[in-house]
Amino acid sequence: MNKNNQIRVWDLFVRVFHWSLLPLFFVAYLTGEEKGPLHRYVGYAVLGLVASRIVWGFCGTRHALFSDFICSPAKALTYLKELVTGKPTHYAGHNPAAAWMIFFFLANSILVCLTGYAAYAAKGKNPSLGFGITFSIVESAYADDDGKREHKGKREHHGGNLESDREDDDDRDSVWSDIHEMSAQFMLFLIGLHIIGVAVSSRKHNENLVRSMITGNKDMYL
């Protein structure tokens, strides 16, 4: 094939998102066992980044729009078969396999962040962004001491005790923590598949996808 010209495909936001999500995830992954706030704040950053990408998917530039690349699973499977046969269809933007990879990245990133948040809240802590703003998606604690005393009184009146409350909280924390851990491991699996996919697609299409995601341009061929 003869080189024809270069076209602008990836806008600045898409490139910043792509090269920011990976290091943020690995920072979060490596700080998961630490007691400091870094892991939690990086999680907030990932969630904000993903939310921004979702918004950009509806109002961004042409190849950033979900409508430009989201397709059926059948189309993605057809593309993968074409890669195997050596004659894959070329796409200016994301190919069908990459489109589904993006969907899994976004969905799993949200799952990782929300389950991590839920596990933290289930421990009886009060997650915040560090600016006095607190949120709660898990009802693991009561708002004030009066609420706690009232709850304790009801538990004692009905034969309950605080120990069983703690056990319930521990069980709930364990469930959220397990899901959080599994989704984080699944993210590593997705990253591995993505790297393999980029390498294979670059070779089959005779283009440098890594460079394209840096410059925003793609080589078009006759």
Protein backbone atom coordinates (compact mmCIF):
# COMPACT_ATOMS: atom_id res chain seq x y z
CA MET A 1 0.00 0.00 0.00
CA ASN A 2 1.15 3.52 -0.72
CA LYS A 3 0.91 6.20 1.89
CA ASN A 4 -1.70 8.80 1.00
CA ASN A 5 -1.85 11.37 3.78
CA GLN A 6 -2.45 11.88 7.47
CA ILE A 7 -5.78 12.75 9.04
CA ARG A 8 -6.60 14.07 12.48
CA VAL A 9 -8.42 11.34 14.41
CA TRP A 10 -7.91 11.70 18.16
CA ASP A 11 -8.59 15.04 19.79
CA LEU A 12 -6.60 16.33 22.77
CA PHE A 13 -9.12 15.21 25.38
CA VAL A 14 -9.20 11.61 24.10
CA ARG A 15 -5.39 11.47 24.14
CA VAL A 16 -5.15 12.94 27.65
CA PHE A 17 -7.80 10.53 28.88
CA HIS A 18 -6.03 7.56 27.32
CA TRP A 19 -2.61 8.36 28.76
CA SER A 20 -3.99 9.42 32.17
CA LEU A 21 -6.21 6.45 32.98
CA LEU A 22 -3.40 3.87 32.84
CA PRO A 23 -0.95 5.53 35.30
CA LEU A 24 -3.79 6.51 37.64
CA PHE A 25 -5.00 2.93 37.77
CA PHE A 26 -1.52 1.56 38.52
CA VAL A 27 -0.98 4.16 41.26
CA ALA A 28 -4.29 3.10 42.80
CA TYR A 29 -3.42 -0.57 42.39
CA LEU A 30 0.00 -0.21 44.02
CA THR A 31 -1.36 1.85 46.96
CA GLY A 32 -4.34 -0.42 47.63
CA GLU A 33 -2.85 -1.92 50.80
CA GLU A 34 -1.67 1.38 52.27
CA LYS A 35 -3.58 3.21 54.99
CA GLY A 36 -3.00 6.69 53.60
CA PRO A 37 -5.54 8.71 51.59
CA LEU A 38 -3.67 8.53 48.26
CA HIS A 39 -5.47 5.38 47.08
CA ARG A 40 -8.87 6.94 47.78
CA TYR A 41 -8.06 10.26 46.09
CA VAL A 42 -6.67 8.54 43.00
CA GLY A 43 -9.94 6.59 42.87
CA TYR A 44 -11.86 9.88 42.87
CA ALA A 45 -9.63 11.10 40.04
CA VAL A 46 -10.29 7.95 37.98
CA LEU A 47 -14.04 8.24 38.52
CA GLY A 48 -13.99 11.91 37.50
CA LEU A 49 -11.90 11.12 34.43
CA VAL A 50 -14.26 8.34 33.34
CA ALA A 51 -17.31 10.52 33.92
CA SER A 52 -15.75 13.23 31.75
CA ARG A 53 -15.04 10.69 29.00
CA ILE A 54 -18.66 9.55 29.05
CA VAL A 55 -19.84 13.15 28.65
CA TRP A 56 -17.29 13.66 25.84
CA GLY A 57 -18.68 10.57 24.17
CA PHE A 58 -21.89 12.49 23.51
CA CYS A 59 -20.59 15.97 22.74
CA GLY A 60 -16.97 15.57 21.62
CA THR A 61 -15.33 15.46 18.21
CA ARG A 62 -16.33 12.94 15.54
CA HIS A 63 -14.19 9.92 16.43
CA ALA A 64 -14.63 10.50 20.17
CA LEU A 65 -18.40 10.05 19.93
CA PHE A 66 -19.89 6.74 21.01
CA SER A 67 -22.10 6.87 17.94
CA ASP A 68 -18.95 6.70 15.78
CA PHE A 69 -17.67 3.38 17.12
CA ILE A 70 -20.13 1.55 19.38
CA CYS A 71 -21.29 -1.57 17.53
CA SER A 72 -22.85 -4.98 18.03
CA PRO A 73 -20.89 -7.91 19.50
CA ALA A 74 -21.31 -9.69 16.16
CA LYS A 75 -19.46 -6.91 14.35
CA ALA A 76 -16.62 -7.10 16.86
CA LEU A 77 -16.37 -10.87 16.41
CA THR A 78 -16.34 -10.43 12.64
CA TYR A 79 -13.44 -7.99 12.95
CA LEU A 80 -11.51 -10.42 15.16
CA LYS A 81 -12.01 -13.16 12.56
CA GLU A 82 -10.71 -10.78 9.91
CA LEU A 83 -7.59 -10.19 12.01
CA VAL A 84 -7.00 -13.93 12.09
CA THR A 85 -7.44 -14.30 8.33
CA GLY A 86 -5.12 -11.37 7.70
CA LYS A 87 -7.59 -9.11 5.88
CA PRO A 88 -9.20 -6.89 8.53
CA THR A 89 -11.34 -3.91 7.58
CA HIS A 90 -9.57 -0.63 8.27
CA TYR A 91 -11.33 2.00 10.40
CA ALA A 92 -10.26 5.61 10.72
CA GLY A 93 -11.42 5.68 14.35
CA HIS A 94 -11.77 2.82 16.81
CA ASN A 95 -12.24 -0.59 15.25
CA PRO A 96 -15.13 -2.76 16.57
CA ALA A 97 -12.91 -4.78 18.92
CA ALA A 98 -11.43 -1.59 20.37
CA ALA A 99 -14.93 -0.16 20.74
CA TRP A 100 -15.94 -2.99 23.04
CA MET A 101 -12.64 -2.70 24.90
CA ILE A 102 -13.48 0.94 25.64
CA PHE A 103 -16.89 -0.08 26.92
CA PHE A 104 -15.34 -2.66 29.27
CA PHE A 105 -12.71 -0.17 30.45
CA LEU A 106 -15.30 2.48 31.29
CA ALA A 107 -17.77 0.09 32.93
CA ASN A 108 -15.11 -1.73 34.95
CA SER A 109 -13.46 1.52 36.04
CA ILE A 110 -16.78 2.67 37.47
CA LEU A 111 -17.22 -0.69 39.21
CA VAL A 112 -13.74 -0.53 40.73
CA CYS A 113 -14.27 3.00 42.04
CA LEU A 114 -17.78 2.53 43.44
CA THR A 115 -17.04 -0.79 45.13
CA GLY A 116 -13.89 0.67 46.65
CA TYR A 117 -15.94 3.58 47.94
CA ALA A 118 -18.59 1.20 49.29
CA ALA A 119 -15.98 -0.97 51.04
CA TYR A 120 -14.49 2.10 52.69
CA ALA A 121 -17.90 3.35 53.84
CA ALA A 122 -18.91 -0.10 55.11
CA LYS A 123 -16.01 0.05 57.57
CA GLY A 124 -17.86 2.84 59.33
CA LYS A 125 -15.66 5.56 57.90
CA ASN A 126 -16.90 8.71 56.21
CA PRO A 127 -15.45 9.02 52.69
CA SER A 128 -14.78 12.57 51.59
CA LEU A 129 -12.96 14.50 48.92
CA GLY A 130 -10.81 16.24 51.49
CA PHE A 131 -12.75 19.51 51.33
CA GLY A 132 -15.31 18.83 54.02
CA ILE A 133 -17.65 17.33 51.43
CA THR A 134 -18.81 13.88 52.42
CA PHE A 135 -20.92 11.32 50.63
CA SER A 136 -22.47 7.99 51.54
CA ILE A 137 -23.73 5.17 49.36
CA VAL A 138 -23.59 2.58 52.11
CA GLU A 139 -25.67 3.02 55.24
CA SER A 140 -23.06 1.67 57.62
CA ALA A 141 -23.28 4.42 60.24
CA TYR A 142 -25.77 6.86 61.62
CA ALA A 143 -25.58 10.59 61.24
CA ASP A 144 -25.21 11.55 64.92
CA ASP A 145 -24.84 10.15 68.39
CA ASP A 146 -28.56 10.42 69.10
CA GLY A 147 -29.23 8.19 66.10
CA LYS A 148 -26.69 5.68 67.34
CA ARG A 149 -28.16 5.63 70.85
CA GLU A 150 -31.66 5.26 69.46
CA HIS A 151 -30.55 2.37 67.25
CA LYS A 152 -28.76 0.72 70.18
CA GLY A 153 -31.88 1.01 72.31
CA LYS A 154 -34.00 -0.61 69.61
CA ARG A 155 -31.51 -3.43 69.20
CA GLU A 156 -31.41 -4.10 72.93
CA HIS A 157 -35.21 -3.89 73.15
CA HIS A 158 -35.53 -6.56 70.49
CA GLY A 159 -32.77 -8.75 71.89
CA GLY A 160 -30.05 -7.51 69.53
CA ASN A 161 -26.56 -6.31 70.39
CA LEU A 162 -23.78 -4.19 68.98
CA GLU A 163 -21.62 -7.21 68.29
CA SER A 164 -24.07 -8.50 65.70
CA ASP A 165 -24.07 -5.03 64.13
CA ARG A 166 -20.30 -5.20 63.81
CA GLU A 167 -20.52 -8.63 62.24
CA ASP A 168 -23.05 -7.33 59.71
CA ASP A 169 -20.73 -4.44 58.86
CA ASP A 170 -17.74 -6.79 58.54
CA ASP A 171 -19.68 -9.08 56.20
CA ARG A 172 -20.79 -6.14 54.09
CA ASP A 173 -17.26 -4.77 54.00
CA SER A 174 -15.96 -8.18 52.91
CA VAL A 175 -18.44 -8.40 50.03
CA TRP A 176 -17.60 -4.93 48.71
CA SER A 177 -13.87 -5.51 49.19
CA ASP A 178 -14.02 -8.83 47.32
CA ILE A 179 -15.84 -7.26 44.37
CA HIS A 180 -13.41 -4.33 44.42
CA GLU A 181 -10.43 -6.69 44.33
CA MET A 182 -11.86 -8.87 41.56
CA SER A 183 -12.73 -5.88 39.38
CA ALA A 184 -9.21 -4.49 39.87
CA GLN A 185 -7.73 -7.82 38.76
CA PHE A 186 -10.08 -7.85 35.78
CA MET A 187 -8.77 -4.39 34.85
CA LEU A 188 -5.26 -5.83 34.66
CA PHE A 189 -6.59 -8.52 32.34
CA LEU A 190 -8.22 -5.87 30.13
CA ILE A 191 -5.00 -3.86 29.98
CA GLY A 192 -3.13 -6.96 28.84
CA LEU A 193 -5.70 -7.65 26.12
CA HIS A 194 -5.57 -4.02 25.04
CA ILE A 195 -1.79 -4.10 24.63
CA ILE A 196 -2.00 -7.30 22.60
CA GLY A 197 -4.80 -5.87 20.48
CA VAL A 198 -2.87 -2.69 19.73
CA ALA A 199 0.21 -4.69 18.71
CA VAL A 200 -1.72 -7.06 16.44
CA SER A 201 -3.86 -4.34 14.88
CA SER A 202 -0.83 -2.11 14.26
CA ARG A 203 0.93 -4.94 12.47
CA LYS A 204 -2.07 -6.02 10.40
CA HIS A 205 -2.92 -2.47 9.31
CA ASN A 206 0.72 -1.39 8.93
CA GLU A 207 0.24 1.62 11.21
CA ASN A 208 1.62 2.82 14.54
CA LEU A 209 -1.39 3.13 16.83
CA VAL A 210 0.72 4.16 19.81
CA ARG A 211 2.16 7.10 17.87
CA SER A 212 -1.32 7.97 16.62
CA MET A 213 -2.60 8.19 20.18
CA ILE A 214 0.27 10.56 20.98
CA THR A 215 0.03 12.84 17.95
CA GLY A 216 -3.68 12.42 17.24
CA ASN A 217 -2.97 11.67 13.57
CA LYS A 218 -3.33 8.49 11.56
CA ASP A 219 -1.72 7.52 8.26
CA MET A 220 -4.27 6.82 5.53
CA TYR A 221 -3.37 4.54 2.63
CA LEU A 222 -4.62 4.02 -0.87
